[in-house]
């Protein structure tokens, strides 16, 4: 028995290590992930809190606010528009908004970090004891769990699209299934389009089940148009499925495909605003996040679910996701091969 196990083990590893690209990716992938995140989060002291500071031109901040603005764990982000700052506060992109010259400040009562910043600002005292005055946040405050919910749905769609399509297509090619299609009249773009439609149906069904179950259990509500939300999920799912098909257009190794899909999905998961806002990060990180379709999917879903948006407000996200879908589908059709050379 042990001899047979050893023989099968050697045969499997010989097959794997013959594929130099798969071996290279299996070694290189952890280093790329570690190097990438160490570069993005490379500050000497990581900031735990984000305070938006409204400061009039030429006005000096109150001396009592210096301990907040210079705190090693607090990132002070200067903002000019108060309405924009309060919108970011409601969406948990900021933990506090402070008018440093007047002493007025705003916090989101549904965000624990805001209450901590208030304690730091007041020095343990009460509002009204010093020069600081709490102001009411206009509009509905969004609980963090409701802000997080669209990100969880988008992340679930991302993994379903990339691994449910890209990985499967590579396995089809390796097992010779696609080789049989090569002698039929089916063209690459027809095959890829069929894959998008079939996977999209399954993805929307599972997302609908998760959405309905969480809404029933936790009382989540969609403040905007359900039709607009459905459109965002449709075009977002199409864009990520087409990305998965593009990555699998030529691969024949499941190990290589797994490495490439992980290399795409992990940065997308952390840099698309699923768990936390990128407010205050370096400009190149924010620019990089705009490349990922998951970013636009989550932004569109949050506009509808949290802000009550309709088709007009999410038209930009829908157009960008459709453009990404078309670009990936065209590129995947041009690069696609039915069988290994």
Protein backbone atom coordinates (compact mmCIF):
# COMPACT_ATOMS: atom_id res chain seq x y z
CA UNK A 1 0.00 0.00 0.00
CA UNK A 2 2.75 2.46 0.96
CA UNK A 3 4.59 1.69 -2.26
CA UNK A 4 1.50 2.56 -4.33
CA UNK A 5 1.00 5.78 -2.36
CA UNK A 6 4.64 6.75 -2.91
CA UNK A 7 4.37 6.01 -6.64
CA UNK A 8 1.25 8.15 -7.01
CA UNK A 9 2.87 10.93 -4.98
CA UNK A 10 5.93 10.99 -7.25
CA UNK A 11 3.80 10.92 -10.40
CA UNK A 12 1.72 13.87 -9.23
CA UNK A 13 4.73 15.96 -8.28
CA UNK A 14 6.62 15.12 -11.46
CA UNK A 15 3.60 16.38 -13.44
CA UNK A 16 3.51 19.55 -11.39
CA UNK A 17 7.21 20.38 -11.55
CA UNK A 18 7.37 19.81 -15.27
CA UNK A 19 5.31 22.94 -15.58
CA UNK A 20 7.99 25.55 -14.91
CA UNK A 21 5.50 28.41 -14.92
CA UNK A 22 3.34 26.75 -12.25
CA UNK A 23 6.41 26.11 -10.11
CA UNK A 24 7.55 29.70 -10.53
CA UNK A 25 4.17 31.15 -9.60
CA UNK A 26 3.81 28.88 -6.56
CA UNK A 27 7.11 30.26 -5.25
CA UNK A 28 6.71 33.85 -6.42
CA UNK A 29 3.10 34.44 -5.39
CA UNK A 30 3.62 34.71 -1.58
CA UNK A 31 6.54 37.09 -2.08
CA UNK A 32 4.52 39.31 -4.42
CA UNK A 33 1.61 39.51 -1.99
CA UNK A 34 3.88 40.30 0.98
CA UNK A 35 5.93 42.84 -0.97
CA UNK A 36 2.83 44.55 -2.34
CA UNK A 37 1.09 44.98 0.98
CA UNK A 38 4.29 45.97 2.77
CA UNK A 39 4.71 48.72 0.16
CA UNK A 40 1.12 49.94 0.45
CA UNK A 41 1.08 49.88 4.24
CA UNK A 42 4.69 50.95 4.71
CA UNK A 43 4.25 53.87 7.10
CA UNK A 44 6.38 53.73 10.22
CA UNK A 45 3.34 54.15 12.46
CA UNK A 46 -0.01 52.99 11.16
CA UNK A 47 -2.89 55.39 11.69
CA UNK A 48 -5.91 53.85 13.41
CA UNK A 49 -8.26 56.83 13.13
CA UNK A 50 -9.11 59.37 10.43
CA UNK A 51 -10.17 62.90 11.30
CA UNK A 52 -11.33 65.28 8.61
CA UNK A 53 -10.23 68.83 9.39
CA UNK A 54 -12.18 71.82 8.07
CA UNK A 55 -9.98 74.89 8.23
CA UNK A 56 -10.81 78.28 6.78
CA UNK A 57 -8.17 80.01 4.67
CA UNK A 58 -5.74 81.86 6.89
CA UNK A 59 -7.41 80.76 10.14
CA UNK A 60 -5.25 79.13 12.78
CA UNK A 61 -6.53 76.01 14.52
CA UNK A 62 -7.49 76.22 18.17
CA UNK A 63 -4.53 75.39 20.42
CA UNK A 64 -6.72 72.88 22.30
CA UNK A 65 -7.05 70.77 19.12
CA UNK A 66 -3.32 70.31 18.58
CA UNK A 67 -3.16 67.16 20.69
CA UNK A 68 -5.76 65.56 18.39
CA UNK A 69 -4.21 66.70 15.12
CA UNK A 70 -0.70 65.62 16.09
CA UNK A 71 -1.61 62.33 17.77
CA UNK A 72 0.56 59.48 16.34
CA UNK A 73 -2.46 57.22 15.84
CA UNK A 74 -4.70 59.84 14.20
CA UNK A 75 -4.48 60.86 10.55
CA UNK A 76 -5.63 64.44 10.01
CA UNK A 77 -7.06 64.92 6.49
CA UNK A 78 -7.67 68.51 5.41
CA UNK A 79 -10.99 69.04 3.61
CA UNK A 80 -12.54 72.16 2.11
CA UNK A 81 -16.19 71.16 1.60
CA UNK A 82 -18.19 70.54 4.78
CA UNK A 83 -21.02 68.69 3.00
CA UNK A 84 -18.54 66.34 1.36
CA UNK A 85 -16.83 65.77 4.70
CA UNK A 86 -20.12 64.93 6.42
CA UNK A 87 -21.03 62.54 3.63
CA UNK A 88 -17.74 60.72 4.16
CA UNK A 89 -18.44 60.68 7.90
CA UNK A 90 -21.84 59.02 7.38
CA UNK A 91 -20.19 56.45 5.11
CA UNK A 92 -17.48 55.58 7.66
CA UNK A 93 -14.72 56.96 5.45
CA UNK A 94 -13.90 59.37 8.28
CA UNK A 95 -14.21 58.86 12.02
CA UNK A 96 -14.67 62.54 12.89
CA UNK A 97 -15.01 65.91 11.21
CA UNK A 98 -13.52 68.87 13.08
CA UNK A 99 -13.64 72.57 12.29
CA UNK A 100 -10.30 73.38 13.86
CA UNK A 101 -10.80 77.15 13.91
CA UNK A 102 -14.35 77.25 15.36
CA UNK A 103 -14.26 74.18 17.61
CA UNK A 104 -17.31 72.54 16.05
CA UNK A 105 -17.03 68.79 15.48
CA UNK A 106 -19.20 65.99 14.10
CA UNK A 107 -19.14 62.25 14.82
CA UNK A 108 -21.20 59.31 13.63
CA UNK A 109 -22.90 57.87 16.71
CA UNK A 110 -22.97 54.46 14.97
CA UNK A 111 -19.15 54.40 14.69
CA UNK A 112 -17.21 53.43 17.86
CA UNK A 113 -14.05 55.09 16.58
CA UNK A 114 -15.79 58.45 16.51
CA UNK A 115 -16.62 58.21 20.19
CA UNK A 116 -12.98 57.43 20.96
CA UNK A 117 -11.84 60.47 19.01
CA UNK A 118 -14.37 62.60 20.89
CA UNK A 119 -12.85 61.45 24.16
CA UNK A 120 -9.37 62.33 22.90
CA UNK A 121 -10.52 65.74 21.69
CA UNK A 122 -12.31 66.63 24.93
CA UNK A 123 -9.59 65.17 27.11
CA UNK A 124 -12.08 63.06 29.02
CA UNK A 125 -14.43 65.98 29.66
CA UNK A 126 -17.93 66.67 28.42
CA UNK A 127 -18.99 68.66 25.42
CA UNK A 128 -19.60 72.24 26.49
CA UNK A 129 -16.83 72.23 29.12
CA UNK A 130 -14.30 73.64 26.66
CA UNK A 131 -14.14 75.38 23.30
CA UNK A 132 -15.55 72.38 21.42
CA UNK A 133 -19.20 71.88 20.50
CA UNK A 134 -20.75 68.78 18.99
CA UNK A 135 -22.89 69.42 15.91
CA UNK A 136 -25.69 67.26 14.59
CA UNK A 137 -24.96 65.15 11.53
CA UNK A 138 -27.56 65.90 8.88
CA UNK A 139 -29.13 62.99 7.03
CA UNK A 140 -29.44 59.35 8.03
CA UNK A 141 -26.46 57.84 9.78
CA UNK A 142 -25.40 54.55 8.24
CA UNK A 143 -24.45 51.74 10.66
CA UNK A 144 -21.13 50.12 9.86
CA UNK A 145 -22.72 46.72 9.24
CA UNK A 146 -24.99 48.23 6.58
CA UNK A 147 -21.98 49.95 5.01
CA UNK A 148 -20.09 46.63 5.06
CA UNK A 149 -22.92 44.52 3.60
CA UNK A 150 -22.53 45.63 -0.08
CA UNK A 151 -18.81 44.93 0.16
CA UNK A 152 -19.44 41.39 1.39
CA UNK A 153 -21.86 40.76 -1.47
CA UNK A 154 -19.35 42.11 -3.99
CA UNK A 155 -16.50 40.03 -2.56
CA UNK A 156 -18.64 36.90 -2.75
CA UNK A 157 -19.39 37.66 -6.40
CA UNK A 158 -15.70 38.23 -7.11
CA UNK A 159 -14.59 34.84 -5.81
CA UNK A 160 -17.49 33.10 -7.54
CA UNK A 161 -16.60 34.75 -10.84
CA UNK A 162 -12.83 34.37 -10.85
CA UNK A 163 -12.54 30.85 -9.49
CA UNK A 164 -15.88 29.55 -10.76
CA UNK A 165 -15.06 30.45 -14.36
CA UNK A 166 -11.33 31.02 -14.80
CA UNK A 167 -10.27 27.91 -12.91
CA UNK A 168 -12.91 25.75 -14.60
CA UNK A 169 -11.94 26.84 -18.12
CA UNK A 170 -8.31 25.92 -17.43
CA UNK A 171 -9.41 22.50 -16.25
CA UNK A 172 -11.52 22.08 -19.40
CA UNK A 173 -8.45 22.82 -21.51
CA UNK A 174 -6.26 20.48 -19.52
CA UNK A 175 -8.78 17.61 -19.73
CA UNK A 176 -9.28 18.04 -23.48
CA UNK A 177 -12.86 19.32 -23.34
CA UNK A 178 -12.01 22.50 -25.22
CA UNK A 179 -10.10 20.47 -27.81
CA UNK A 180 -13.39 18.89 -28.83
CA UNK A 181 -14.98 22.33 -29.20
CA UNK A 182 -12.21 23.33 -31.59
CA UNK A 183 -13.64 21.07 -34.34
CA UNK A 184 -17.12 22.59 -34.01
CA UNK A 185 -18.39 25.86 -35.56
CA UNK A 186 -18.32 27.52 -32.12
CA UNK A 187 -16.11 30.61 -32.08
CA UNK A 188 -14.15 31.77 -29.01
CA UNK A 189 -16.31 34.82 -28.31
CA UNK A 190 -19.46 32.67 -28.48
CA UNK A 191 -18.02 30.22 -25.97
CA UNK A 192 -16.90 33.03 -23.64
CA UNK A 193 -20.25 34.79 -23.86
CA UNK A 194 -22.07 31.55 -23.02
CA UNK A 195 -19.79 31.12 -20.02
CA UNK A 196 -20.60 34.65 -18.84
CA UNK A 197 -24.36 34.11 -19.12
CA UNK A 198 -24.38 30.72 -17.41
CA UNK A 199 -22.13 31.79 -14.52
CA UNK A 200 -23.98 35.09 -14.16
CA UNK A 201 -27.27 33.27 -13.64
CA UNK A 202 -25.80 31.14 -10.84
CA UNK A 203 -24.02 34.14 -9.30
CA UNK A 204 -27.13 36.32 -9.21
CA UNK A 205 -29.17 33.48 -7.74
CA UNK A 206 -26.70 32.90 -4.89
CA UNK A 207 -26.30 36.65 -4.28
CA UNK A 208 -30.08 37.01 -4.15
CA UNK A 209 -30.30 34.23 -1.56
CA UNK A 210 -27.62 35.85 0.60
CA UNK A 211 -29.23 39.29 0.23
CA UNK A 212 -32.70 38.03 1.09
CA UNK A 213 -31.54 35.95 4.05
CA UNK A 214 -29.46 38.76 5.58
CA UNK A 215 -32.28 41.25 5.04
CA UNK A 216 -34.71 38.96 6.84
CA UNK A 217 -32.34 38.13 9.70
CA UNK A 218 -30.67 41.50 10.29
CA UNK A 219 -33.22 43.97 8.96
CA UNK A 220 -31.07 45.44 6.19
CA UNK A 221 -32.91 47.70 3.81
CA UNK A 222 -32.23 49.03 0.34
CA UNK A 223 -32.86 52.78 0.43
CA UNK A 224 -32.70 53.14 -3.35
CA UNK A 225 -34.08 51.49 -6.45
CA UNK A 226 -33.97 47.69 -6.44
CA UNK A 227 -33.88 47.79 -10.24
CA UNK A 228 -30.76 49.98 -10.13
CA UNK A 229 -29.16 47.64 -7.57
CA UNK A 230 -29.93 44.64 -9.79
CA UNK A 231 -28.37 46.43 -12.79
CA UNK A 232 -25.21 47.17 -10.79
CA UNK A 233 -24.92 43.53 -9.74
CA UNK A 234 -25.50 42.32 -13.31
CA UNK A 235 -22.85 44.50 -14.96
CA UNK A 236 -20.48 44.01 -12.03
CA UNK A 237 -20.81 40.24 -12.26
CA UNK A 238 -20.29 40.33 -16.02
CA UNK A 239 -17.11 42.39 -15.65
CA UNK A 240 -15.54 40.03 -13.11
CA UNK A 241 -16.56 36.91 -15.04
CA UNK A 242 -15.01 38.34 -18.20
CA UNK A 243 -11.85 39.14 -16.21
CA UNK A 244 -11.69 35.52 -15.05
CA UNK A 245 -12.10 34.31 -18.63
CA UNK A 246 -9.33 36.65 -19.79
CA UNK A 247 -6.95 35.26 -17.17
CA UNK A 248 -7.82 31.71 -18.28
CA UNK A 249 -7.62 32.39 -22.03
CA UNK A 250 -4.39 30.44 -22.51
CA UNK A 251 -3.50 28.70 -19.26
CA UNK A 252 -3.36 24.91 -19.10
CA UNK A 253 -2.07 24.42 -15.55
CA UNK A 254 -4.49 24.54 -12.63
CA UNK A 255 -1.64 25.47 -10.30
CA UNK A 256 -0.66 28.40 -12.51
CA UNK A 257 -4.28 29.51 -12.82
CA UNK A 258 -4.73 29.36 -9.06
CA UNK A 259 -1.65 31.53 -8.52
CA UNK A 260 -2.73 34.16 -11.03
CA UNK A 261 -6.30 34.27 -9.72
CA UNK A 262 -5.04 34.70 -6.17
CA UNK A 263 -2.65 37.40 -7.32
CA UNK A 264 -5.63 39.34 -8.70
CA UNK A 265 -8.28 38.56 -6.09
CA UNK A 266 -6.30 39.35 -2.93
CA UNK A 267 -5.29 42.93 -3.85
CA UNK A 268 -8.77 43.49 -5.25
CA UNK A 269 -10.33 42.35 -1.97
CA UNK A 270 -8.22 44.71 0.16
CA UNK A 271 -8.01 47.73 -2.17
CA UNK A 272 -11.64 47.90 -3.33
CA UNK A 273 -13.09 49.15 -0.06
CA UNK A 274 -14.66 45.90 1.11
CA UNK A 275 -13.51 46.18 4.73
CA UNK A 276 -12.26 49.73 5.13
CA UNK A 277 -12.15 53.04 3.29
CA UNK A 278 -9.05 54.14 1.37
CA UNK A 279 -9.66 57.76 2.40
CA UNK A 280 -6.34 59.40 3.23
CA UNK A 281 -4.14 56.79 1.53
CA UNK A 282 -1.51 57.79 -1.00
CA UNK A 283 -2.89 58.89 -4.40
CA UNK A 284 -1.32 56.03 -6.33
CA UNK A 285 -3.06 53.47 -4.13
CA UNK A 286 -6.42 55.16 -4.73
CA UNK A 287 -5.68 55.29 -8.47
CA UNK A 288 -4.79 51.58 -8.45
CA UNK A 289 -8.09 50.74 -6.77
CA UNK A 290 -9.99 52.36 -9.67
CA UNK A 291 -8.61 49.70 -12.03
CA UNK A 292 -10.47 46.91 -10.25
CA UNK A 293 -14.10 46.22 -11.26
CA UNK A 294 -14.92 45.29 -7.66
CA UNK A 295 -14.31 48.92 -6.62
CA UNK A 296 -16.98 50.24 -8.99
CA UNK A 297 -19.38 47.41 -8.13
CA UNK A 298 -19.17 48.15 -4.40
CA UNK A 299 -19.39 51.91 -4.88
CA UNK A 300 -22.50 51.54 -7.04
CA UNK A 301 -24.13 49.10 -4.61
CA UNK A 302 -23.43 51.38 -1.64
CA UNK A 303 -24.88 54.37 -3.45
CA UNK A 304 -28.11 52.47 -4.00
CA UNK A 305 -28.34 50.58 -0.70
CA UNK A 306 -26.99 53.28 1.65
CA UNK A 307 -27.76 56.57 -0.12
CA UNK A 308 -31.03 55.76 -1.88
CA UNK A 309 -29.60 56.30 -5.38
CA UNK A 310 -31.32 55.43 -8.64
CA UNK A 311 -30.13 54.78 -12.17
CA UNK A 312 -29.04 58.39 -12.71
CA UNK A 313 -26.66 58.37 -9.74
CA UNK A 314 -24.99 55.04 -10.63
CA UNK A 315 -24.81 55.50 -14.39
CA UNK A 316 -21.05 56.17 -14.24
CA UNK A 317 -20.36 52.91 -12.39
CA UNK A 318 -22.58 50.99 -14.84
CA UNK A 319 -20.82 52.50 -17.87
CA UNK A 320 -17.36 51.74 -16.46
CA UNK A 321 -18.28 48.15 -15.63
CA UNK A 322 -19.76 47.63 -19.11
CA UNK A 323 -16.56 49.04 -20.66
CA UNK A 324 -14.43 46.68 -18.55
CA UNK A 325 -16.63 43.76 -19.58
CA UNK A 326 -16.29 44.58 -23.27
CA UNK A 327 -12.52 45.12 -23.03
CA UNK A 328 -11.92 41.82 -21.20
CA UNK A 329 -14.26 39.91 -23.53
CA UNK A 330 -12.53 41.24 -26.67
CA UNK A 331 -9.05 40.60 -25.28
CA UNK A 332 -10.04 37.14 -24.06
CA UNK A 333 -11.47 36.26 -27.49
CA UNK A 334 -8.26 37.34 -29.23
CA UNK A 335 -5.99 35.47 -26.82
CA UNK A 336 -8.19 32.39 -26.40
CA UNK A 337 -6.94 28.99 -27.52
CA UNK A 338 -8.87 25.75 -27.52
CA UNK A 339 -5.96 23.42 -26.84
CA UNK A 340 -2.35 23.45 -25.73
CA UNK A 341 0.25 24.15 -28.38
